[in-house]
Amino acid sequence: MYDYQGWIVRSTAGRDKEGLFCVVGVDRESGMLHLADGKRRKVTKPKRKKLGHVRVLTDHLHPYDHPVVQRLMQGEPVTNNDIRRALAAFPAKEV
């Protein structure tokens, strides 16, 4: 199983369909991703979503080179404002 932390994903199912999120954690037992966008879903209470219900936009082969994402991947704490700033700077085109 990959280390999904720091990946940018787009929701493909549910109420938040087509929403852009950053993976802030993974529950390896259940295979659920913990997603945050910094606005509706905060870092302190992330959305739990199955991997099959998201479309991966960045991964280990196509990383998103943003300082906030790099800090998140290293395990450092990030704020909701940091997540919002990183997602706002994410290019519109998809990988």
PDB file of N, CA and C in Angstrom:
ATOM      1  N   MET A   1       0.842  -1.178   0.000  1.00  0.00           N
ATOM      2  CA  MET A   1       0.000   0.000   0.000  1.00  0.00           C
ATOM      3  C   MET A   1       0.888   1.243   0.000  1.00  0.00           C
ATOM      4  N   TYR A   2       0.547   2.192  -0.839  1.00  0.00           N
ATOM      5  CA  TYR A   2       1.304   3.435  -0.956  1.00  0.00           C
ATOM      6  C   TYR A   2       1.120   4.303   0.275  1.00  0.00           C
ATOM      7  N   ASP A   3       2.024   5.261   0.432  1.00  0.00           N
ATOM      8  CA  ASP A   3       1.844   6.296   1.438  1.00  0.00           C
ATOM      9  C   ASP A   3       1.145   7.447   0.726  1.00  0.00           C
ATOM     10  N   TYR A   4      -0.156   7.553   0.896  1.00  0.00           N
ATOM     11  CA  TYR A   4      -0.972   8.502   0.152  1.00  0.00           C
ATOM     12  C   TYR A   4      -0.895   9.922   0.706  1.00  0.00           C
ATOM     13  N   GLN A   5      -0.288  10.102   1.855  1.00  0.00           N
ATOM     14  CA  GLN A   5      -0.271  11.415   2.488  1.00  0.00           C
ATOM     15  C   GLN A   5       0.387  12.452   1.580  1.00  0.00           C
ATOM     16  N   GLY A   6      -0.313  13.572   1.388  1.00  0.00           N
ATOM     17  CA  GLY A   6       0.190  14.645   0.536  1.00  0.00           C
ATOM     18  C   GLY A   6      -0.308  14.580  -0.899  1.00  0.00           C
ATOM     19  N   TRP A   7      -0.993  13.516  -1.282  1.00  0.00           N
ATOM     20  CA  TRP A   7      -1.519  13.420  -2.638  1.00  0.00           C
ATOM     21  C   TRP A   7      -2.728  14.332  -2.784  1.00  0.00           C
ATOM     22  N   ILE A   8      -2.933  14.847  -3.980  1.00  0.00           N
ATOM     23  CA  ILE A   8      -4.108  15.660  -4.295  1.00  0.00           C
ATOM     24  C   ILE A   8      -5.087  14.759  -5.038  1.00  0.00           C
ATOM     25  N   VAL A   9      -6.347  14.766  -4.595  1.00  0.00           N
ATOM     26  CA  VAL A   9      -7.369  13.904  -5.194  1.00  0.00           C
ATOM     27  C   VAL A   9      -8.635  14.711  -5.463  1.00  0.00           C
ATOM     28  N   ARG A  10      -9.455  14.189  -6.371  1.00  0.00           N
ATOM     29  CA  ARG A  10     -10.763  14.776  -6.670  1.00  0.00           C
ATOM     30  C   ARG A  10     -11.807  13.728  -6.331  1.00  0.00           C
ATOM     31  N   SER A  11     -12.816  14.131  -5.581  1.00  0.00           N
ATOM     32  CA  SER A  11     -13.883  13.224  -5.180  1.00  0.00           C
ATOM     33  C   SER A  11     -14.739  12.873  -6.393  1.00  0.00           C
ATOM     34  N   THR A  12     -15.098  11.598  -6.522  1.00  0.00           N
ATOM     35  CA  THR A  12     -15.921  11.159  -7.648  1.00  0.00           C
ATOM     36  C   THR A  12     -17.284  10.660  -7.190  1.00  0.00           C
ATOM     37  N   ALA A  13     -17.526  10.661  -5.879  1.00  0.00           N
ATOM     38  CA  ALA A  13     -18.796  10.158  -5.373  1.00  0.00           C
ATOM     39  C   ALA A  13     -19.178  10.905  -4.103  1.00  0.00           C
ATOM     40  N   GLY A  14     -20.464  10.982  -3.869  1.00  0.00           N
ATOM     41  CA  GLY A  14     -20.958  11.575  -2.635  1.00  0.00           C
ATOM     42  C   GLY A  14     -21.334  13.035  -2.769  1.00  0.00           C
ATOM     43  N   ARG A  15     -21.653  13.621  -1.655  1.00  0.00           N
ATOM     44  CA  ARG A  15     -22.099  15.014  -1.603  1.00  0.00           C
ATOM     45  C   ARG A  15     -21.014  15.980  -2.062  1.00  0.00           C
ATOM     46  N   ASP A  16     -19.774  15.617  -1.838  1.00  0.00           N
ATOM     47  CA  ASP A  16     -18.644  16.481  -2.197  1.00  0.00           C
ATOM     48  C   ASP A  16     -18.054  16.134  -3.568  1.00  0.00           C
ATOM     49  N   LYS A  17     -18.860  15.530  -4.433  1.00  0.00           N
ATOM     50  CA  LYS A  17     -18.412  15.116  -5.766  1.00  0.00           C
ATOM     51  C   LYS A  17     -17.770  16.290  -6.492  1.00  0.00           C
ATOM     52  N   GLU A  18     -16.660  16.020  -7.173  1.00  0.00           N
ATOM     53  CA  GLU A  18     -15.863  16.994  -7.927  1.00  0.00           C
ATOM     54  C   GLU A  18     -15.089  17.952  -7.032  1.00  0.00           C
ATOM     55  N   GLY A  19     -15.082  17.699  -5.730  1.00  0.00           N
ATOM     56  CA  GLY A  19     -14.301  18.525  -4.808  1.00  0.00           C
ATOM     57  C   GLY A  19     -12.831  18.145  -4.841  1.00  0.00           C
ATOM     58  N   LEU A  20     -11.977  19.133  -4.640  1.00  0.00           N
ATOM     59  CA  LEU A  20     -10.535  18.940  -4.638  1.00  0.00           C
ATOM     60  C   LEU A  20     -10.070  18.837  -3.187  1.00  0.00           C
ATOM     61  N   PHE A  21      -9.317  17.790  -2.870  1.00  0.00           N
ATOM     62  CA  PHE A  21      -8.888  17.540  -1.504  1.00  0.00           C
ATOM     63  C   PHE A  21      -7.418  17.152  -1.470  1.00  0.00           C
ATOM     64  N   CYS A  22      -6.832  17.300  -0.292  1.00  0.00           N
ATOM     65  CA  CYS A  22      -5.485  16.833  -0.029  1.00  0.00           C
ATOM     66  C   CYS A  22      -5.581  15.692   0.974  1.00  0.00           C
ATOM     67  N   VAL A  23      -4.853  14.624   0.740  1.00  0.00           N
ATOM     68  CA  VAL A  23      -4.859  13.492   1.656  1.00  0.00           C
ATOM     69  C   VAL A  23      -3.968  13.850   2.847  1.00  0.00           C
ATOM     70  N   VAL A  24      -4.582  13.908   4.041  1.00  0.00           N
ATOM     71  CA  VAL A  24      -3.833  14.271   5.247  1.00  0.00           C
ATOM     72  C   VAL A  24      -3.558  13.069   6.139  1.00  0.00           C
ATOM     73  N   GLY A  25      -4.093  11.915   5.784  1.00  0.00           N
ATOM     74  CA  GLY A  25      -3.851  10.713   6.565  1.00  0.00           C
ATOM     75  C   GLY A  25      -4.475   9.498   5.907  1.00  0.00           C
ATOM     76  N   VAL A  26      -4.108   8.325   6.402  1.00  0.00           N
ATOM     77  CA  VAL A  26      -4.621   7.065   5.868  1.00  0.00           C
ATOM     78  C   VAL A  26      -4.896   6.127   7.032  1.00  0.00           C
ATOM     79  N   ASP A  27      -6.058   5.471   7.001  1.00  0.00           N
ATOM     80  CA  ASP A  27      -6.378   4.420   7.962  1.00  0.00           C
ATOM     81  C   ASP A  27      -6.078   3.103   7.253  1.00  0.00           C
ATOM     82  N   ARG A  28      -4.943   2.516   7.569  1.00  0.00           N
ATOM     83  CA  ARG A  28      -4.486   1.331   6.849  1.00  0.00           C
ATOM     84  C   ARG A  28      -5.351   0.103   7.119  1.00  0.00           C
ATOM     85  N   GLU A  29      -5.966   0.021   8.273  1.00  0.00           N
ATOM     86  CA  GLU A  29      -6.830  -1.124   8.580  1.00  0.00           C
ATOM     87  C   GLU A  29      -8.034  -1.188   7.656  1.00  0.00           C
ATOM     88  N   SER A  30      -8.711  -0.046   7.489  1.00  0.00           N
ATOM     89  CA  SER A  30      -9.923  -0.035   6.679  1.00  0.00           C
ATOM     90  C   SER A  30      -9.670   0.428   5.240  1.00  0.00           C
ATOM     91  N   GLY A  31      -8.476   0.943   4.953  1.00  0.00           N
ATOM     92  CA  GLY A  31      -8.166   1.412   3.609  1.00  0.00           C
ATOM     93  C   GLY A  31      -8.824   2.741   3.276  1.00  0.00           C
ATOM     94  N   MET A  32      -9.185   3.503   4.298  1.00  0.00           N
ATOM     95  CA  MET A  32      -9.847   4.789   4.086  1.00  0.00           C
ATOM     96  C   MET A  32      -8.811   5.914   4.058  1.00  0.00           C
ATOM     97  N   LEU A  33      -9.030   6.871   3.151  1.00  0.00           N
ATOM     98  CA  LEU A  33      -8.200   8.069   3.094  1.00  0.00           C
ATOM     99  C   LEU A  33      -8.842   9.143   3.954  1.00  0.00           C
ATOM    100  N   HIS A  34      -8.046   9.973   4.575  1.00  0.00           N
ATOM    101  CA  HIS A  34      -8.541  11.115   5.331  1.00  0.00           C
ATOM    102  C   HIS A  34      -8.247  12.354   4.498  1.00  0.00           C
ATOM    103  N   LEU A  35      -9.316  13.040   4.062  1.00  0.00           N
ATOM    104  CA  LEU A  35      -9.196  14.156   3.130  1.00  0.00           C
ATOM    105  C   LEU A  35      -9.560  15.472   3.799  1.00  0.00           C
ATOM    106  N   ALA A  36      -8.845  16.534   3.428  1.00  0.00           N
ATOM    107  CA  ALA A  36      -9.137  17.868   3.935  1.00  0.00           C
ATOM    108  C   ALA A  36      -9.013  18.869   2.794  1.00  0.00           C
ATOM    109  N   ASP A  37      -9.884  19.882   2.821  1.00  0.00           N
ATOM    110  CA  ASP A  37      -9.770  20.977   1.859  1.00  0.00           C
ATOM    111  C   ASP A  37      -9.496  22.301   2.561  1.00  0.00           C
ATOM    112  N   GLY A  38      -9.494  22.286   3.891  1.00  0.00           N
ATOM    113  CA  GLY A  38      -9.181  23.478   4.659  1.00  0.00           C
ATOM    114  C   GLY A  38     -10.353  24.409   4.871  1.00  0.00           C
ATOM    115  N   LYS A  39     -11.464  24.161   4.200  1.00  0.00           N
ATOM    116  CA  LYS A  39     -12.628  25.029   4.342  1.00  0.00           C
ATOM    117  C   LYS A  39     -13.790  24.258   4.950  1.00  0.00           C
ATOM    118  N   ARG A  40     -14.401  23.381   4.173  1.00  0.00           N
ATOM    119  CA  ARG A  40     -15.509  22.572   4.698  1.00  0.00           C
ATOM    120  C   ARG A  40     -15.000  21.400   5.520  1.00  0.00           C
ATOM    121  N   ARG A  41     -13.907  20.819   5.096  1.00  0.00           N
ATOM    122  CA  ARG A  41     -13.299  19.705   5.809  1.00  0.00           C
ATOM    123  C   ARG A  41     -11.946  20.149   6.334  1.00  0.00           C
ATOM    124  N   LYS A  42     -11.883  20.317   7.642  1.00  0.00           N
ATOM    125  CA  LYS A  42     -10.682  20.821   8.302  1.00  0.00           C
ATOM    126  C   LYS A  42      -9.671  19.700   8.515  1.00  0.00           C
ATOM    127  N   VAL A  43      -8.452  20.099   8.779  1.00  0.00           N
ATOM    128  CA  VAL A  43      -7.380  19.147   9.040  1.00  0.00           C
ATOM    129  C   VAL A  43      -7.670  18.385  10.338  1.00  0.00           C
ATOM    130  N   THR A  44      -8.315  19.047  11.302  1.00  0.00           N
ATOM    131  CA  THR A  44      -8.602  18.398  12.580  1.00  0.00           C
ATOM    132  C   THR A  44      -9.747  17.402  12.492  1.00  0.00           C
ATOM    133  N   LYS A  45     -10.627  17.531  11.491  1.00  0.00           N
ATOM    134  CA  LYS A  45     -11.743  16.600  11.306  1.00  0.00           C
ATOM    135  C   LYS A  45     -11.887  16.294   9.811  1.00  0.00           C
ATOM    136  N   PRO A  46     -10.969  15.493   9.271  1.00  0.00           N
ATOM    137  CA  PRO A  46     -10.977  15.227   7.833  1.00  0.00           C
ATOM    138  C   PRO A  46     -12.108  14.284   7.418  1.00  0.00           C
ATOM    139  N   LYS A  47     -12.425  14.330   6.133  1.00  0.00           N
ATOM    140  CA  LYS A  47     -13.421  13.452   5.532  1.00  0.00           C
ATOM    141  C   LYS A  47     -12.789  12.095   5.293  1.00  0.00           C
ATOM    142  N   ARG A  48     -13.477  11.038   5.691  1.00  0.00           N
ATOM    143  CA  ARG A  48     -13.013   9.677   5.425  1.00  0.00           C
ATOM    144  C   ARG A  48     -13.664   9.201   4.132  1.00  0.00           C
ATOM    145  N   LYS A  49     -12.848   8.714   3.213  1.00  0.00           N
ATOM    146  CA  LYS A  49     -13.369   8.278   1.922  1.00  0.00           C
ATOM    147  C   LYS A  49     -12.552   7.102   1.418  1.00  0.00           C
ATOM    148  N   LYS A  50     -13.239   6.170   0.767  1.00  0.00           N
ATOM    149  CA  LYS A  50     -12.554   5.021   0.182  1.00  0.00           C
ATOM    150  C   LYS A  50     -11.742   5.456  -1.032  1.00  0.00           C
ATOM    151  N   LEU A  51     -10.659   4.752  -1.267  1.00  0.00           N
ATOM    152  CA  LEU A  51      -9.783   5.055  -2.398  1.00  0.00           C
ATOM    153  C   LEU A  51     -10.535   4.954  -3.717  1.00  0.00           C
ATOM    154  N   GLY A  52     -11.490   4.058  -3.818  1.00  0.00           N
ATOM    155  CA  GLY A  52     -12.258   3.892  -5.053  1.00  0.00           C
ATOM    156  C   GLY A  52     -13.213   5.037  -5.343  1.00  0.00           C
ATOM    157  N   HIS A  53     -13.423   5.925  -4.369  1.00  0.00           N
ATOM    158  CA  HIS A  53     -14.348   7.042  -4.546  1.00  0.00           C
ATOM    159  C   HIS A  53     -13.639   8.358  -4.824  1.00  0.00           C
ATOM    160  N   VAL A  54     -12.360   8.273  -5.155  1.00  0.00           N
ATOM    161  CA  VAL A  54     -11.599   9.468  -5.512  1.00  0.00           C
ATOM    162  C   VAL A  54     -10.790   9.195  -6.780  1.00  0.00           C
ATOM    163  N   ARG A  55     -10.480  10.263  -7.489  1.00  0.00           N
ATOM    164  CA  ARG A  55      -9.592  10.182  -8.656  1.00  0.00           C
ATOM    165  C   ARG A  55      -8.277  10.838  -8.240  1.00  0.00           C
ATOM    166  N   VAL A  56      -7.199  10.099  -8.311  1.00  0.00           N
ATOM    167  CA  VAL A  56      -5.890  10.594  -7.897  1.00  0.00           C
ATOM    168  C   VAL A  56      -5.350  11.534  -8.965  1.00  0.00           C
ATOM    169  N   LEU A  57      -4.988  12.758  -8.554  1.00  0.00           N
ATOM    170  CA  LEU A  57      -4.446  13.739  -9.488  1.00  0.00           C
ATOM    171  C   LEU A  57      -2.929  13.830  -9.389  1.00  0.00           C
ATOM    172  N   THR A  58      -2.385  13.551  -8.214  1.00  0.00           N
ATOM    173  CA  THR A  58      -0.933  13.484  -8.038  1.00  0.00           C
ATOM    174  C   THR A  58      -0.617  12.195  -7.306  1.00  0.00           C
ATOM    175  N   ASP A  59       0.565  11.687  -7.521  1.00  0.00           N
ATOM    176  CA  ASP A  59       0.987  10.473  -6.835  1.00  0.00           C
ATOM    177  C   ASP A  59       2.500  10.485  -6.712  1.00  0.00           C
ATOM    178  N   HIS A  60       3.094   9.338  -6.403  1.00  0.00           N
ATOM    179  CA  HIS A  60       4.539   9.282  -6.234  1.00  0.00           C
ATOM    180  C   HIS A  60       5.285   9.465  -7.556  1.00  0.00           C
ATOM    181  N   LEU A  61       4.626   9.210  -8.677  1.00  0.00           N
ATOM    182  CA  LEU A  61       5.258   9.417  -9.988  1.00  0.00           C
ATOM    183  C   LEU A  61       5.055  10.832 -10.515  1.00  0.00           C
ATOM    184  N   HIS A  62       3.961  11.475 -10.132  1.00  0.00           N
ATOM    185  CA  HIS A  62       3.629  12.837 -10.547  1.00  0.00           C
ATOM    186  C   HIS A  62       3.368  13.681  -9.305  1.00  0.00           C
ATOM    187  N   PRO A  63       4.423  14.023  -8.552  1.00  0.00           N
ATOM    188  CA  PRO A  63       4.206  14.762  -7.305  1.00  0.00           C
ATOM    189  C   PRO A  63       3.836  16.218  -7.567  1.00  0.00           C
ATOM    190  N   TYR A  64       3.143  16.789  -6.592  1.00  0.00           N
ATOM    191  CA  TYR A  64       2.797  18.215  -6.622  1.00  0.00           C
ATOM    192  C   TYR A  64       3.842  18.926  -5.786  1.00  0.00           C
ATOM    193  N   ASP A  65       4.684  19.704  -6.423  1.00  0.00           N
ATOM    194  CA  ASP A  65       5.806  20.352  -5.756  1.00  0.00           C
ATOM    195  C   ASP A  65       5.354  21.667  -5.128  1.00  0.00           C
ATOM    196  N   HIS A  66       4.758  21.571  -3.960  1.00  0.00           N
ATOM    197  CA  HIS A  66       4.321  22.739  -3.200  1.00  0.00           C
ATOM    198  C   HIS A  66       4.875  22.581  -1.793  1.00  0.00           C
ATOM    199  N   PRO A  67       5.362  23.657  -1.169  1.00  0.00           N
ATOM    200  CA  PRO A  67       5.962  23.536   0.168  1.00  0.00           C
ATOM    201  C   PRO A  67       5.042  22.916   1.210  1.00  0.00           C
ATOM    202  N   VAL A  68       3.758  23.209   1.148  1.00  0.00           N
ATOM    203  CA  VAL A  68       2.807  22.654   2.116  1.00  0.00           C
ATOM    204  C   VAL A  68       2.695  21.147   1.946  1.00  0.00           C
ATOM    205  N   VAL A  69       2.626  20.698   0.711  1.00  0.00           N
ATOM    206  CA  VAL A  69       2.529  19.265   0.435  1.00  0.00           C
ATOM    207  C   VAL A  69       3.810  18.568   0.882  1.00  0.00           C
ATOM    208  N   GLN A  70       4.943  19.198   0.660  1.00  0.00           N
ATOM    209  CA  GLN A  70       6.214  18.616   1.091  1.00  0.00           C
ATOM    210  C   GLN A  70       6.257  18.477   2.611  1.00  0.00           C
ATOM    211  N   ARG A  71       5.777  19.502   3.333  1.00  0.00           N
ATOM    212  CA  ARG A  71       5.736  19.429   4.800  1.00  0.00           C
ATOM    213  C   ARG A  71       4.806  18.318   5.261  1.00  0.00           C
ATOM    214  N   LEU A  72       3.672  18.187   4.596  1.00  0.00           N
ATOM    215  CA  LEU A  72       2.702  17.149   4.956  1.00  0.00           C
ATOM    216  C   LEU A  72       3.293  15.755   4.737  1.00  0.00           C
ATOM    217  N   MET A  73       4.026  15.577   3.662  1.00  0.00           N
ATOM    218  CA  MET A  73       4.639  14.292   3.351  1.00  0.00           C
ATOM    219  C   MET A  73       5.739  13.933   4.356  1.00  0.00           C
ATOM    220  N   GLN A  74       6.362  14.944   4.947  1.00  0.00           N
ATOM    221  CA  GLN A  74       7.406  14.706   5.940  1.00  0.00           C
ATOM    222  C   GLN A  74       6.826  14.519   7.339  1.00  0.00           C
ATOM    223  N   GLY A  75       5.512  14.636   7.468  1.00  0.00           N
ATOM    224  CA  GLY A  75       4.878  14.427   8.757  1.00  0.00           C
ATOM    225  C   GLY A  75       4.782  15.661   9.620  1.00  0.00           C
ATOM    226  N   GLU A  76       5.112  16.812   9.082  1.00  0.00           N
ATOM    227  CA  GLU A  76       5.023  18.059   9.838  1.00  0.00           C
ATOM    228  C   GLU A  76       3.576  18.548   9.848  1.00  0.00           C
ATOM    229  N   PRO A  77       3.183  19.263  10.898  1.00  0.00           N
ATOM    230  CA  PRO A  77       1.800  19.757  10.958  1.00  0.00           C
ATOM    231  C   PRO A  77       1.556  20.884   9.950  1.00  0.00           C
ATOM    232  N   VAL A  78       0.349  20.920   9.411  1.00  0.00           N
ATOM    233  CA  VAL A  78      -0.067  21.984   8.501  1.00  0.00           C
ATOM    234  C   VAL A  78      -1.394  22.547   8.993  1.00  0.00           C
ATOM    235  N   THR A  79      -1.686  23.782   8.606  1.00  0.00           N
ATOM    236  CA  THR A  79      -2.929  24.423   9.018  1.00  0.00           C
ATOM    237  C   THR A  79      -3.949  24.355   7.888  1.00  0.00           C
ATOM    238  N   ASN A  80      -5.188  24.686   8.214  1.00  0.00           N
ATOM    239  CA  ASN A  80      -6.239  24.728   7.204  1.00  0.00           C
ATOM    240  C   ASN A  80      -5.927  25.771   6.141  1.00  0.00           C
ATOM    241  N   ASN A  81      -5.370  26.903   6.570  1.00  0.00           N
ATOM    242  CA  ASN A  81      -5.008  27.955   5.625  1.00  0.00           C
ATOM    243  C   ASN A  81      -3.932  27.460   4.658  1.00  0.00           C
ATOM    244  N   ASP A  82      -2.986  26.677   5.148  1.00  0.00           N
ATOM    245  CA  ASP A  82      -1.946  26.102   4.283  1.00  0.00           C
ATOM    246  C   ASP A  82      -2.564  25.188   3.225  1.00  0.00           C
ATOM    247  N   ILE A  83      -3.495  24.341   3.648  1.00  0.00           N
ATOM    248  CA  ILE A  83      -4.157  23.422   2.717  1.00  0.00           C
ATOM    249  C   ILE A  83      -4.933  24.195   1.659  1.00  0.00           C
ATOM    250  N   ARG A  84      -5.685  25.215   2.083  1.00  0.00           N
ATOM    251  CA  ARG A  84      -6.445  26.038   1.117  1.00  0.00           C
ATOM    252  C   ARG A  84      -5.515  26.690   0.107  1.00  0.00           C
ATOM    253  N   ARG A  85      -4.393  27.215   0.581  1.00  0.00           N
ATOM    254  CA  ARG A  85      -3.439  27.884  -0.300  1.00  0.00           C
ATOM    255  C   ARG A  85      -2.839  26.898  -1.307  1.00  0.00           C
ATOM    256  N   ALA A  86      -2.518  25.700  -0.855  1.00  0.00           N
ATOM    257  CA  ALA A  86      -1.930  24.684  -1.741  1.00  0.00           C
ATOM    258  C   ALA A  86      -2.935  24.232  -2.794  1.00  0.00           C
ATOM    259  N   LEU A  87      -4.196  24.027  -2.406  1.00  0.00           N
ATOM    260  CA  LEU A  87      -5.213  23.593  -3.366  1.00  0.00           C
ATOM    261  C   LEU A  87      -5.567  24.701  -4.350  1.00  0.00           C
ATOM    262  N   ALA A  88      -5.526  25.962  -3.895  1.00  0.00           N
ATOM    263  CA  ALA A  88      -5.815  27.077  -4.805  1.00  0.00           C
ATOM    264  C   ALA A  88      -4.725  27.227  -5.866  1.00  0.00           C
ATOM    265  N   ALA A  89      -3.498  26.870  -5.515  1.00  0.00           N
ATOM    266  CA  ALA A  89      -2.390  26.983  -6.466  1.00  0.00           C
ATOM    267  C   ALA A  89      -2.254  25.772  -7.365  1.00  0.00           C
ATOM    268  N   PHE A  90      -3.051  24.705  -7.101  1.00  0.00           N
ATOM    269  CA  PHE A  90      -2.970  23.496  -7.907  1.00  0.00           C
ATOM    270  C   PHE A  90      -3.444  23.784  -9.332  1.00  0.00           C
ATOM    271  N   PRO A  91      -2.666  23.368 -10.330  1.00  0.00           N
ATOM    272  CA  PRO A  91      -3.072  23.652 -11.720  1.00  0.00           C
ATOM    273  C   PRO A  91      -4.375  22.940 -12.081  1.00  0.00           C
ATOM    274  N   ALA A  92      -5.161  23.570 -12.948  1.00  0.00           N
ATOM    275  CA  ALA A  92      -6.485  23.056 -13.327  1.00  0.00           C
ATOM    276  C   ALA A  92      -6.393  21.776 -14.143  1.00  0.00           C
ATOM    277  N   LYS A  93      -5.315  21.604 -14.889  1.00  0.00           N
ATOM    278  CA  LYS A  93      -5.208  20.394 -15.707  1.00  0.00           C
ATOM    279  C   LYS A  93      -4.986  19.194 -14.810  1.00  0.00           C
ATOM    280  N   GLU A  94      -5.438  18.037 -15.264  1.00  0.00           N
ATOM    281  CA  GLU A  94      -5.309  16.806 -14.491  1.00  0.00           C
ATOM    282  C   GLU A  94      -4.245  15.927 -15.099  1.00  0.00           C
ATOM    283  N   VAL A  95      -3.602  15.166 -14.240  1.00  0.00           N
ATOM    284  CA  VAL A  95      -2.533  14.255 -14.667  1.00  0.00           C
ATOM    285  C   VAL A  95      -3.132  13.062 -15.340  1.00  0.00           C
TER     286      VAL A  95
END
